[in-house]
Amino acid sequence: MDSVRWREAPEVVMGRIADRFARVDPRLRAGESSPHGMRHVLCRAVWYADAVRDDVREQASSAPTLW
């Protein structure tokens, strides 16, 4: 994977699963430059883990490339 796609990967992934979060602000925090934003998303935000798992599983089985 080239460096541009690598840098864009978190935004692509978050775009794919964004509707799995109850509120918008956790999505924005996930994009922060420090790990604290993602930590907040994983530990404190309300999100639908089973739906995210299903999204990731579906994408991983259908295409070997980044979303």
PDB file of N, CA and C in Angstrom:
ATOM      1  N   MET A   1       0.851  -1.164   0.000  1.00  0.00           N
ATOM      2  CA  MET A   1       0.000   0.000   0.000  1.00  0.00           C
ATOM      3  C   MET A   1       0.897   1.228   0.000  1.00  0.00           C
ATOM      4  N   ASP A   2       0.564   2.190  -0.839  1.00  0.00           N
ATOM      5  CA  ASP A   2       1.379   3.401  -0.893  1.00  0.00           C
ATOM      6  C   ASP A   2       1.068   4.310   0.295  1.00  0.00           C
ATOM      7  N   SER A   3       1.927   5.287   0.517  1.00  0.00           N
ATOM      8  CA  SER A   3       1.822   6.130   1.711  1.00  0.00           C
ATOM      9  C   SER A   3       0.553   6.978   1.724  1.00  0.00           C
ATOM     10  N   VAL A   4       0.068   7.395   0.587  1.00  0.00           N
ATOM     11  CA  VAL A   4      -1.153   8.201   0.539  1.00  0.00           C
ATOM     12  C   VAL A   4      -2.344   7.375   1.005  1.00  0.00           C
ATOM     13  N   ARG A   5      -2.470   6.176   0.470  1.00  0.00           N
ATOM     14  CA  ARG A   5      -3.578   5.314   0.886  1.00  0.00           C
ATOM     15  C   ARG A   5      -3.457   4.958   2.362  1.00  0.00           C
ATOM     16  N   TRP A   6      -2.245   4.775   2.851  1.00  0.00           N
ATOM     17  CA  TRP A   6      -2.043   4.449   4.262  1.00  0.00           C
ATOM     18  C   TRP A   6      -2.533   5.592   5.150  1.00  0.00           C
ATOM     19  N   ARG A   7      -2.216   6.833   4.773  1.00  0.00           N
ATOM     20  CA  ARG A   7      -2.656   7.988   5.558  1.00  0.00           C
ATOM     21  C   ARG A   7      -4.170   8.166   5.503  1.00  0.00           C
ATOM     22  N   GLU A   8      -4.776   7.815   4.395  1.00  0.00           N
ATOM     23  CA  GLU A   8      -6.220   7.983   4.226  1.00  0.00           C
ATOM     24  C   GLU A   8      -7.025   6.830   4.821  1.00  0.00           C
ATOM     25  N   ALA A   9      -6.374   5.743   5.149  1.00  0.00           N
ATOM     26  CA  ALA A   9      -7.071   4.541   5.603  1.00  0.00           C
ATOM     27  C   ALA A   9      -8.016   4.774   6.782  1.00  0.00           C
ATOM     28  N   PRO A  10      -7.608   5.471   7.846  1.00  0.00           N
ATOM     29  CA  PRO A  10      -8.548   5.663   8.965  1.00  0.00           C
ATOM     30  C   PRO A  10      -9.816   6.406   8.551  1.00  0.00           C
ATOM     31  N   GLU A  11      -9.688   7.396   7.679  1.00  0.00           N
ATOM     32  CA  GLU A  11     -10.866   8.138   7.225  1.00  0.00           C
ATOM     33  C   GLU A  11     -11.779   7.259   6.382  1.00  0.00           C
ATOM     34  N   VAL A  12     -11.189   6.425   5.561  1.00  0.00           N
ATOM     35  CA  VAL A  12     -11.978   5.517   4.729  1.00  0.00           C
ATOM     36  C   VAL A  12     -12.748   4.536   5.602  1.00  0.00           C
ATOM     37  N   VAL A  13     -12.063   3.967   6.561  1.00  0.00           N
ATOM     38  CA  VAL A  13     -12.708   3.006   7.460  1.00  0.00           C
ATOM     39  C   VAL A  13     -13.806   3.693   8.256  1.00  0.00           C
ATOM     40  N   MET A  14     -13.528   4.850   8.823  1.00  0.00           N
ATOM     41  CA  MET A  14     -14.532   5.550   9.615  1.00  0.00           C
ATOM     42  C   MET A  14     -15.725   5.939   8.750  1.00  0.00           C
ATOM     43  N   GLY A  15     -15.484   6.301   7.519  1.00  0.00           N
ATOM     44  CA  GLY A  15     -16.584   6.605   6.615  1.00  0.00           C
ATOM     45  C   GLY A  15     -17.479   5.402   6.388  1.00  0.00           C
ATOM     46  N   ARG A  16     -16.877   4.256   6.350  1.00  0.00           N
ATOM     47  CA  ARG A  16     -17.627   3.017   6.125  1.00  0.00           C
ATOM     48  C   ARG A  16     -18.499   2.646   7.335  1.00  0.00           C
ATOM     49  N   ILE A  17     -18.024   2.913   8.543  1.00  0.00           N
ATOM     50  CA  ILE A  17     -18.759   2.493   9.743  1.00  0.00           C
ATOM     51  C   ILE A  17     -19.378   3.665  10.511  1.00  0.00           C
ATOM     52  N   ALA A  18     -19.357   4.858   9.959  1.00  0.00           N
ATOM     53  CA  ALA A  18     -19.805   6.059  10.672  1.00  0.00           C
ATOM     54  C   ALA A  18     -21.225   5.949  11.203  1.00  0.00           C
ATOM     55  N   ASP A  19     -22.111   5.342  10.447  1.00  0.00           N
ATOM     56  CA  ASP A  19     -23.498   5.267  10.913  1.00  0.00           C
ATOM     57  C   ASP A  19     -23.707   4.258  12.032  1.00  0.00           C
ATOM     58  N   ARG A  20     -22.650   3.593  12.447  1.00  0.00           N
ATOM     59  CA  ARG A  20     -22.736   2.632  13.552  1.00  0.00           C
ATOM     60  C   ARG A  20     -22.530   3.298  14.905  1.00  0.00           C
ATOM     61  N   PHE A  21     -22.351   4.626  14.925  1.00  0.00           N
ATOM     62  CA  PHE A  21     -22.177   5.376  16.161  1.00  0.00           C
ATOM     63  C   PHE A  21     -23.437   6.170  16.448  1.00  0.00           C
ATOM     64  N   ALA A  22     -23.834   6.220  17.707  1.00  0.00           N
ATOM     65  CA  ALA A  22     -25.061   6.900  18.088  1.00  0.00           C
ATOM     66  C   ALA A  22     -24.969   8.411  17.911  1.00  0.00           C
ATOM     67  N   ARG A  23     -23.775   8.973  18.035  1.00  0.00           N
ATOM     68  CA  ARG A  23     -23.593  10.427  17.926  1.00  0.00           C
ATOM     69  C   ARG A  23     -22.453  10.737  16.965  1.00  0.00           C
ATOM     70  N   VAL A  24     -22.406  11.971  16.505  1.00  0.00           N
ATOM     71  CA  VAL A  24     -21.382  12.396  15.547  1.00  0.00           C
ATOM     72  C   VAL A  24     -20.041  12.659  16.215  1.00  0.00           C
ATOM     73  N   ASP A  25     -20.017  13.236  17.414  1.00  0.00           N
ATOM     74  CA  ASP A  25     -18.754  13.645  18.028  1.00  0.00           C
ATOM     75  C   ASP A  25     -17.746  12.513  18.213  1.00  0.00           C
ATOM     76  N   PRO A  26     -18.121  11.275  18.532  1.00  0.00           N
ATOM     77  CA  PRO A  26     -17.099  10.220  18.612  1.00  0.00           C
ATOM     78  C   PRO A  26     -16.409   9.965  17.273  1.00  0.00           C
ATOM     79  N   ARG A  27     -17.156  10.120  16.187  1.00  0.00           N
ATOM     80  CA  ARG A  27     -16.551   9.946  14.868  1.00  0.00           C
ATOM     81  C   ARG A  27     -15.459  10.984  14.640  1.00  0.00           C
ATOM     82  N   LEU A  28     -15.718  12.196  15.089  1.00  0.00           N
ATOM     83  CA  LEU A  28     -14.728  13.263  14.918  1.00  0.00           C
ATOM     84  C   LEU A  28     -13.518  13.027  15.813  1.00  0.00           C
ATOM     85  N   ARG A  29     -13.751  12.557  17.014  1.00  0.00           N
ATOM     86  CA  ARG A  29     -12.643  12.293  17.939  1.00  0.00           C
ATOM     87  C   ARG A  29     -11.734  11.191  17.431  1.00  0.00           C
ATOM     88  N   ALA A  30     -12.285  10.230  16.724  1.00  0.00           N
ATOM     89  CA  ALA A  30     -11.481   9.121  16.206  1.00  0.00           C
ATOM     90  C   ALA A  30     -10.420   9.611  15.233  1.00  0.00           C
ATOM     91  N   GLY A  31     -10.664  10.747  14.594  1.00  0.00           N
ATOM     92  CA  GLY A  31      -9.719  11.282  13.626  1.00  0.00           C
ATOM     93  C   GLY A  31      -8.649  12.180  14.217  1.00  0.00           C
ATOM     94  N   GLU A  32      -8.621  12.346  15.533  1.00  0.00           N
ATOM     95  CA  GLU A  32      -7.604  13.185  16.162  1.00  0.00           C
ATOM     96  C   GLU A  32      -6.215  12.609  15.924  1.00  0.00           C
ATOM     97  N   SER A  33      -5.214  13.475  15.988  1.00  0.00           N
ATOM     98  CA  SER A  33      -3.848  13.030  15.699  1.00  0.00           C
ATOM     99  C   SER A  33      -3.226  12.218  16.838  1.00  0.00           C
ATOM    100  N   SER A  34      -3.798  12.283  18.019  1.00  0.00           N
ATOM    101  CA  SER A  34      -3.280  11.491  19.133  1.00  0.00           C
ATOM    102  C   SER A  34      -4.145  10.246  19.309  1.00  0.00           C
ATOM    103  N   PRO A  35      -3.670   9.269  20.048  1.00  0.00           N
ATOM    104  CA  PRO A  35      -4.462   8.055  20.267  1.00  0.00           C
ATOM    105  C   PRO A  35      -5.649   8.259  21.203  1.00  0.00           C
ATOM    106  N   HIS A  36      -5.735   9.408  21.855  1.00  0.00           N
ATOM    107  CA  HIS A  36      -6.798   9.635  22.822  1.00  0.00           C
ATOM    108  C   HIS A  36      -8.187   9.621  22.185  1.00  0.00           C
ATOM    109  N   GLY A  37      -8.285  10.148  20.969  1.00  0.00           N
ATOM    110  CA  GLY A  37      -9.582  10.155  20.296  1.00  0.00           C
ATOM    111  C   GLY A  37     -10.088   8.756  20.028  1.00  0.00           C
ATOM    112  N   MET A  38      -9.238   7.896  19.505  1.00  0.00           N
ATOM    113  CA  MET A  38      -9.653   6.526  19.230  1.00  0.00           C
ATOM    114  C   MET A  38      -9.931   5.777  20.530  1.00  0.00           C
ATOM    115  N   ARG A  39      -9.162   6.061  21.554  1.00  0.00           N
ATOM    116  CA  ARG A  39      -9.401   5.432  22.852  1.00  0.00           C
ATOM    117  C   ARG A  39     -10.797   5.797  23.362  1.00  0.00           C
ATOM    118  N   HIS A  40     -11.169   7.065  23.185  1.00  0.00           N
ATOM    119  CA  HIS A  40     -12.503   7.497  23.596  1.00  0.00           C
ATOM    120  C   HIS A  40     -13.573   6.722  22.829  1.00  0.00           C
ATOM    121  N   VAL A  41     -13.382   6.582  21.540  1.00  0.00           N
ATOM    122  CA  VAL A  41     -14.358   5.868  20.720  1.00  0.00           C
ATOM    123  C   VAL A  41     -14.510   4.427  21.191  1.00  0.00           C
ATOM    124  N   LEU A  42     -13.412   3.769  21.435  1.00  0.00           N
ATOM    125  CA  LEU A  42     -13.463   2.355  21.806  1.00  0.00           C
ATOM    126  C   LEU A  42     -13.939   2.117  23.229  1.00  0.00           C
ATOM    127  N   CYS A  43     -13.689   3.057  24.133  1.00  0.00           N
ATOM    128  CA  CYS A  43     -14.000   2.824  25.548  1.00  0.00           C
ATOM    129  C   CYS A  43     -15.262   3.515  26.041  1.00  0.00           C
ATOM    130  N   ARG A  44     -15.591   4.676  25.488  1.00  0.00           N
ATOM    131  CA  ARG A  44     -16.668   5.462  26.076  1.00  0.00           C
ATOM    132  C   ARG A  44     -17.844   5.739  25.156  1.00  0.00           C
ATOM    133  N   ALA A  45     -17.605   5.784  23.878  1.00  0.00           N
ATOM    134  CA  ALA A  45     -18.677   6.138  22.949  1.00  0.00           C
ATOM    135  C   ALA A  45     -19.678   4.998  22.813  1.00  0.00           C
ATOM    136  N   VAL A  46     -20.897   5.358  22.481  1.00  0.00           N
ATOM    137  CA  VAL A  46     -21.930   4.358  22.208  1.00  0.00           C
ATOM    138  C   VAL A  46     -21.816   3.994  20.734  1.00  0.00           C
ATOM    139  N   TRP A  47     -21.476   2.749  20.495  1.00  0.00           N
ATOM    140  CA  TRP A  47     -21.369   2.266  19.127  1.00  0.00           C
ATOM    141  C   TRP A  47     -21.844   0.833  19.069  1.00  0.00           C
ATOM    142  N   TYR A  48     -22.163   0.385  17.886  1.00  0.00           N
ATOM    143  CA  TYR A  48     -22.765  -0.921  17.692  1.00  0.00           C
ATOM    144  C   TYR A  48     -21.708  -1.900  17.212  1.00  0.00           C
ATOM    145  N   ALA A  49     -21.036  -2.507  18.181  1.00  0.00           N
ATOM    146  CA  ALA A  49     -19.871  -3.350  17.894  1.00  0.00           C
ATOM    147  C   ALA A  49     -20.210  -4.527  16.983  1.00  0.00           C
ATOM    148  N   ASP A  50     -21.359  -5.138  17.176  1.00  0.00           N
ATOM    149  CA  ASP A  50     -21.722  -6.273  16.325  1.00  0.00           C
ATOM    150  C   ASP A  50     -21.904  -5.839  14.873  1.00  0.00           C
ATOM    151  N   ALA A  51     -22.502  -4.677  14.673  1.00  0.00           N
ATOM    152  CA  ALA A  51     -22.687  -4.170  13.312  1.00  0.00           C
ATOM    153  C   ALA A  51     -21.352  -3.818  12.669  1.00  0.00           C
ATOM    154  N   VAL A  52     -20.451  -3.218  13.445  1.00  0.00           N
ATOM    155  CA  VAL A  52     -19.115  -2.908  12.921  1.00  0.00           C
ATOM    156  C   VAL A  52     -18.389  -4.196  12.558  1.00  0.00           C
ATOM    157  N   ARG A  53     -18.463  -5.179  13.433  1.00  0.00           N
ATOM    158  CA  ARG A  53     -17.849  -6.474  13.140  1.00  0.00           C
ATOM    159  C   ARG A  53     -18.382  -7.046  11.829  1.00  0.00           C
ATOM    160  N   ASP A  54     -19.692  -6.983  11.647  1.00  0.00           N
ATOM    161  CA  ASP A  54     -20.293  -7.505  10.422  1.00  0.00           C
ATOM    162  C   ASP A  54     -19.827  -6.733   9.193  1.00  0.00           C
ATOM    163  N   ASP A  55     -19.725  -5.403   9.318  1.00  0.00           N
ATOM    164  CA  ASP A  55     -19.230  -4.580   8.208  1.00  0.00           C
ATOM    165  C   ASP A  55     -17.805  -4.968   7.828  1.00  0.00           C
ATOM    166  N   VAL A  56     -16.966  -5.102   8.841  1.00  0.00           N
ATOM    167  CA  VAL A  56     -15.565  -5.447   8.598  1.00  0.00           C
ATOM    168  C   VAL A  56     -15.446  -6.842   7.993  1.00  0.00           C
ATOM    169  N   ARG A  57     -16.203  -7.770   8.525  1.00  0.00           N
ATOM    170  CA  ARG A  57     -16.178  -9.136   7.999  1.00  0.00           C
ATOM    171  C   ARG A  57     -16.625  -9.174   6.540  1.00  0.00           C
ATOM    172  N   GLU A  58     -17.690  -8.459   6.221  1.00  0.00           N
ATOM    173  CA  GLU A  58     -18.192  -8.431   4.853  1.00  0.00           C
ATOM    174  C   GLU A  58     -17.158  -7.845   3.891  1.00  0.00           C
ATOM    175  N   GLN A  59     -16.556  -6.730   4.301  1.00  0.00           N
ATOM    176  CA  GLN A  59     -15.567  -6.095   3.437  1.00  0.00           C
ATOM    177  C   GLN A  59     -14.334  -6.960   3.275  1.00  0.00           C
ATOM    178  N   ALA A  60     -13.877  -7.550   4.361  1.00  0.00           N
ATOM    179  CA  ALA A  60     -12.669  -8.383   4.297  1.00  0.00           C
ATOM    180  C   ALA A  60     -12.870  -9.604   3.409  1.00  0.00           C
ATOM    181  N   SER A  61     -14.063 -10.132   3.385  1.00  0.00           N
ATOM    182  CA  SER A  61     -14.304 -11.330   2.568  1.00  0.00           C
ATOM    183  C   SER A  61     -14.587 -11.003   1.121  1.00  0.00           C
ATOM    184  N   SER A  62     -14.984  -9.758   0.839  1.00  0.00           N
ATOM    185  CA  SER A  62     -15.339  -9.431  -0.541  1.00  0.00           C
ATOM    186  C   SER A  62     -14.214  -8.794  -1.343  1.00  0.00           C
ATOM    187  N   ALA A  63     -13.265  -8.160  -0.686  1.00  0.00           N
ATOM    188  CA  ALA A  63     -12.207  -7.479  -1.422  1.00  0.00           C
ATOM    189  C   ALA A  63     -10.917  -7.485  -0.608  1.00  0.00           C
ATOM    190  N   PRO A  64      -9.826  -7.872  -1.205  1.00  0.00           N
ATOM    191  CA  PRO A  64      -8.556  -7.895  -0.470  1.00  0.00           C
ATOM    192  C   PRO A  64      -7.909  -6.521  -0.305  1.00  0.00           C
ATOM    193  N   THR A  65      -8.474  -5.492  -0.906  1.00  0.00           N
ATOM    194  CA  THR A  65      -7.889  -4.156  -0.826  1.00  0.00           C
ATOM    195  C   THR A  65      -8.578  -3.324   0.234  1.00  0.00           C
ATOM    196  N   LEU A  66      -8.000  -2.183   0.510  1.00  0.00           N
ATOM    197  CA  LEU A  66      -8.564  -1.236   1.486  1.00  0.00           C
ATOM    198  C   LEU A  66      -9.906  -0.728   0.984  1.00  0.00           C
ATOM    199  N   TRP A  67     -10.798  -0.442   1.889  1.00  0.00           N
ATOM    200  CA  TRP A  67     -12.115   0.079   1.538  1.00  0.00           C
ATOM    201  C   TRP A  67     -11.942   1.326   0.757  1.00  0.00           C
TER     202      TRP A  67
END
